[in-house]
């Protein structure tokens, strides 16, 4: 789950609570908090950091599921 430190509409603390609840329920979850001063609009403006985190997450999922670069999957250069 991605959260933004300055988001007042969806506070990072609430996102962290969701991740903790997922983990207690046996659901694999990861929490990443991006330090930003853009408030709720950070998800529109912190594109570079979000892209990095999403790309890393997808690579991890692919590796865990045995998907390699040779497999026929949709690819986007990001």
N, C-alpha and C. Protein backbone atom coordinates (compact mmCIF):
# COMPACT_ATOMS: atom_id res chain seq x y z
N UNK A 1 0.84 -1.16 0.00
CA UNK A 1 0.00 0.00 0.00
C UNK A 1 0.89 1.23 0.00
N UNK A 2 0.56 2.17 -0.85
CA UNK A 2 1.28 3.45 -0.89
C UNK A 2 0.50 4.49 -0.10
N UNK A 3 1.22 5.27 0.68
CA UNK A 3 0.60 6.36 1.42
C UNK A 3 1.51 7.58 1.31
N UNK A 4 0.92 8.73 1.50
CA UNK A 4 1.68 9.98 1.43
C UNK A 4 1.62 10.67 2.78
N UNK A 5 2.76 11.02 3.29
CA UNK A 5 2.92 11.57 4.63
C UNK A 5 2.03 12.78 4.87
N UNK A 6 1.81 13.60 3.88
CA UNK A 6 1.06 14.85 4.07
C UNK A 6 -0.41 14.76 3.63
N UNK A 7 -0.88 13.59 3.26
CA UNK A 7 -2.26 13.43 2.79
C UNK A 7 -3.22 13.55 3.97
N UNK A 8 -4.06 14.57 3.97
CA UNK A 8 -5.00 14.79 5.06
C UNK A 8 -6.33 14.09 4.81
N UNK A 9 -6.63 13.78 3.53
CA UNK A 9 -7.90 13.13 3.22
C UNK A 9 -7.85 11.62 3.51
N UNK A 10 -6.74 11.00 3.15
CA UNK A 10 -6.48 9.59 3.45
C UNK A 10 -5.17 9.51 4.23
N UNK A 11 -5.19 9.75 5.52
CA UNK A 11 -3.96 9.82 6.32
C UNK A 11 -3.14 8.54 6.26
N UNK A 12 -1.84 8.71 6.24
CA UNK A 12 -0.92 7.57 6.21
C UNK A 12 -1.16 6.64 7.39
N UNK A 13 -1.52 7.18 8.52
CA UNK A 13 -1.75 6.34 9.70
C UNK A 13 -2.89 5.35 9.47
N UNK A 14 -3.91 5.75 8.73
CA UNK A 14 -5.03 4.85 8.43
C UNK A 14 -4.59 3.76 7.46
N UNK A 15 -3.76 4.12 6.50
CA UNK A 15 -3.23 3.11 5.56
C UNK A 15 -2.40 2.08 6.30
N UNK A 16 -1.62 2.55 7.25
CA UNK A 16 -0.80 1.64 8.05
C UNK A 16 -1.68 0.69 8.87
N UNK A 17 -2.80 1.20 9.38
CA UNK A 17 -3.74 0.35 10.10
C UNK A 17 -4.30 -0.75 9.20
N UNK A 18 -4.61 -0.41 7.96
CA UNK A 18 -5.13 -1.38 7.00
C UNK A 18 -4.10 -2.47 6.74
N UNK A 19 -2.85 -2.07 6.56
CA UNK A 19 -1.78 -3.05 6.31
C UNK A 19 -1.61 -3.96 7.52
N UNK A 20 -1.64 -3.39 8.71
CA UNK A 20 -1.53 -4.22 9.92
C UNK A 20 -2.67 -5.21 10.02
N UNK A 21 -3.88 -4.77 9.71
CA UNK A 21 -5.04 -5.67 9.75
C UNK A 21 -4.90 -6.78 8.71
N UNK A 22 -4.41 -6.45 7.54
CA UNK A 22 -4.18 -7.46 6.50
C UNK A 22 -3.19 -8.51 6.99
N UNK A 23 -2.10 -8.05 7.56
CA UNK A 23 -1.08 -8.97 8.06
C UNK A 23 -1.63 -9.88 9.16
N UNK A 24 -2.43 -9.32 10.07
CA UNK A 24 -3.05 -10.12 11.13
C UNK A 24 -4.01 -11.16 10.55
N UNK A 25 -4.60 -10.86 9.40
CA UNK A 25 -5.52 -11.78 8.74
C UNK A 25 -4.80 -12.77 7.83
N UNK A 26 -3.46 -12.69 7.82
CA UNK A 26 -2.68 -13.61 7.01
C UNK A 26 -2.51 -13.19 5.56
N UNK A 27 -2.83 -11.95 5.27
CA UNK A 27 -2.70 -11.43 3.90
C UNK A 27 -1.35 -10.74 3.77
N UNK A 28 -0.61 -11.10 2.74
CA UNK A 28 0.70 -10.49 2.49
C UNK A 28 0.47 -9.03 2.08
N UNK A 29 1.02 -8.11 2.82
CA UNK A 29 0.85 -6.69 2.53
C UNK A 29 2.14 -5.96 2.83
N UNK A 30 2.37 -4.91 2.07
CA UNK A 30 3.55 -4.08 2.24
C UNK A 30 3.11 -2.63 2.33
N UNK A 31 3.78 -1.86 3.17
CA UNK A 31 3.46 -0.45 3.36
C UNK A 31 4.63 0.40 2.91
N UNK A 32 4.36 1.37 2.07
CA UNK A 32 5.37 2.33 1.64
C UNK A 32 4.79 3.73 1.82
N UNK A 33 5.53 4.55 2.55
CA UNK A 33 5.08 5.93 2.77
C UNK A 33 6.02 6.88 2.05
N UNK A 34 5.45 7.73 1.23
CA UNK A 34 6.22 8.70 0.47
C UNK A 34 6.16 10.04 1.19
N UNK A 35 7.32 10.60 1.44
CA UNK A 35 7.42 11.91 2.09
C UNK A 35 7.15 12.98 1.04
N UNK A 36 6.07 13.69 1.19
CA UNK A 36 5.66 14.68 0.20
C UNK A 36 5.00 15.86 0.91
N UNK A 37 5.07 17.01 0.31
CA UNK A 37 4.42 18.20 0.86
C UNK A 37 3.16 18.57 0.08
N UNK A 38 2.74 17.72 -0.85
CA UNK A 38 1.62 18.04 -1.74
C UNK A 38 0.25 17.65 -1.18
N UNK A 39 0.19 17.13 0.02
CA UNK A 39 -1.09 16.76 0.60
C UNK A 39 -1.76 15.65 -0.18
N UNK A 40 -3.09 15.73 -0.31
CA UNK A 40 -3.83 14.68 -1.00
C UNK A 40 -3.47 14.60 -2.48
N UNK A 41 -3.04 15.69 -3.09
CA UNK A 41 -2.68 15.69 -4.50
C UNK A 41 -1.34 15.01 -4.79
N UNK A 42 -0.67 14.55 -3.77
CA UNK A 42 0.64 13.91 -3.95
C UNK A 42 0.57 12.73 -4.91
N UNK A 43 -0.55 11.99 -4.90
CA UNK A 43 -0.64 10.84 -5.79
C UNK A 43 -0.63 11.25 -7.25
N UNK A 44 -0.93 12.52 -7.53
CA UNK A 44 -0.88 13.03 -8.90
C UNK A 44 0.49 13.61 -9.25
N UNK A 45 1.27 13.96 -8.24
CA UNK A 45 2.49 14.72 -8.48
C UNK A 45 3.78 13.95 -8.18
N UNK A 46 3.72 12.94 -7.36
CA UNK A 46 4.93 12.17 -7.00
C UNK A 46 5.08 10.96 -7.92
N UNK A 47 4.93 11.19 -9.20
CA UNK A 47 4.89 10.12 -10.19
C UNK A 47 6.18 9.31 -10.24
N UNK A 48 7.31 9.97 -10.16
CA UNK A 48 8.59 9.26 -10.26
C UNK A 48 8.77 8.26 -9.11
N UNK A 49 8.48 8.68 -7.90
CA UNK A 49 8.62 7.80 -6.74
C UNK A 49 7.59 6.67 -6.79
N UNK A 50 6.35 6.99 -7.18
CA UNK A 50 5.31 5.96 -7.29
C UNK A 50 5.70 4.93 -8.35
N UNK A 51 6.19 5.40 -9.48
CA UNK A 51 6.60 4.51 -10.57
C UNK A 51 7.68 3.55 -10.10
N UNK A 52 8.66 4.07 -9.39
CA UNK A 52 9.74 3.24 -8.86
C UNK A 52 9.18 2.14 -7.95
N UNK A 53 8.29 2.49 -7.04
CA UNK A 53 7.74 1.53 -6.09
C UNK A 53 6.85 0.49 -6.78
N UNK A 54 6.02 0.94 -7.71
CA UNK A 54 5.14 0.00 -8.43
C UNK A 54 5.96 -0.95 -9.30
N UNK A 55 6.97 -0.42 -9.95
CA UNK A 55 7.84 -1.26 -10.79
C UNK A 55 8.52 -2.34 -9.94
N UNK A 56 9.04 -1.96 -8.78
CA UNK A 56 9.69 -2.91 -7.89
C UNK A 56 8.69 -3.97 -7.43
N UNK A 57 7.49 -3.54 -7.06
CA UNK A 57 6.44 -4.47 -6.62
C UNK A 57 6.11 -5.47 -7.72
N UNK A 58 5.91 -4.99 -8.94
CA UNK A 58 5.56 -5.90 -10.04
C UNK A 58 6.69 -6.87 -10.35
N UNK A 59 7.93 -6.41 -10.30
CA UNK A 59 9.07 -7.32 -10.52
C UNK A 59 9.08 -8.41 -9.46
N UNK A 60 8.81 -8.05 -8.22
CA UNK A 60 8.77 -9.02 -7.12
C UNK A 60 7.66 -10.05 -7.35
N UNK A 61 6.48 -9.59 -7.73
CA UNK A 61 5.36 -10.49 -8.01
C UNK A 61 5.71 -11.42 -9.16
N UNK A 62 6.30 -10.90 -10.21
CA UNK A 62 6.68 -11.73 -11.35
C UNK A 62 7.66 -12.81 -10.93
N UNK A 63 8.69 -12.42 -10.18
CA UNK A 63 9.69 -13.39 -9.73
C UNK A 63 9.07 -14.46 -8.84
N UNK A 64 8.21 -14.06 -7.92
CA UNK A 64 7.57 -15.01 -7.01
C UNK A 64 6.67 -16.00 -7.75
N UNK A 65 6.19 -15.61 -8.92
CA UNK A 65 5.30 -16.46 -9.69
C UNK A 65 5.98 -17.11 -10.89
N UNK A 66 7.30 -17.02 -10.93
CA UNK A 66 8.07 -17.69 -11.97
C UNK A 66 7.94 -17.07 -13.35
N UNK A 67 7.54 -15.83 -13.41
CA UNK A 67 7.42 -15.15 -14.70
C UNK A 67 8.74 -14.50 -15.02
N UNK A 68 9.27 -14.80 -16.19
CA UNK A 68 10.55 -14.23 -16.61
C UNK A 68 10.33 -13.27 -17.77
N UNK A 69 11.37 -12.63 -18.18
CA UNK A 69 11.30 -11.70 -19.31
C UNK A 69 10.92 -12.37 -20.61
N UNK A 70 11.08 -13.70 -20.69
CA UNK A 70 10.75 -14.44 -21.90
C UNK A 70 9.27 -14.78 -22.00
N UNK A 71 8.54 -14.67 -20.91
CA UNK A 71 7.12 -14.99 -20.91
C UNK A 71 6.33 -13.93 -21.68
N UNK A 72 5.21 -14.35 -22.21
CA UNK A 72 4.35 -13.44 -22.95
C UNK A 72 3.43 -12.71 -21.98
N UNK A 73 3.87 -11.57 -21.52
CA UNK A 73 3.06 -10.73 -20.63
C UNK A 73 3.07 -9.32 -21.18
N UNK A 74 2.10 -8.54 -20.78
CA UNK A 74 2.09 -7.15 -21.20
C UNK A 74 3.27 -6.45 -20.56
N UNK A 75 3.97 -5.68 -21.36
CA UNK A 75 5.14 -4.96 -20.86
C UNK A 75 4.98 -3.49 -21.17
N UNK A 76 5.31 -2.67 -20.21
CA UNK A 76 5.31 -1.23 -20.40
C UNK A 76 6.65 -0.72 -19.89
N UNK A 77 7.31 0.09 -20.69
CA UNK A 77 8.55 0.72 -20.23
C UNK A 77 8.18 1.89 -19.34
N UNK A 78 8.55 1.76 -18.06
CA UNK A 78 8.28 2.85 -17.14
C UNK A 78 9.55 3.25 -16.44
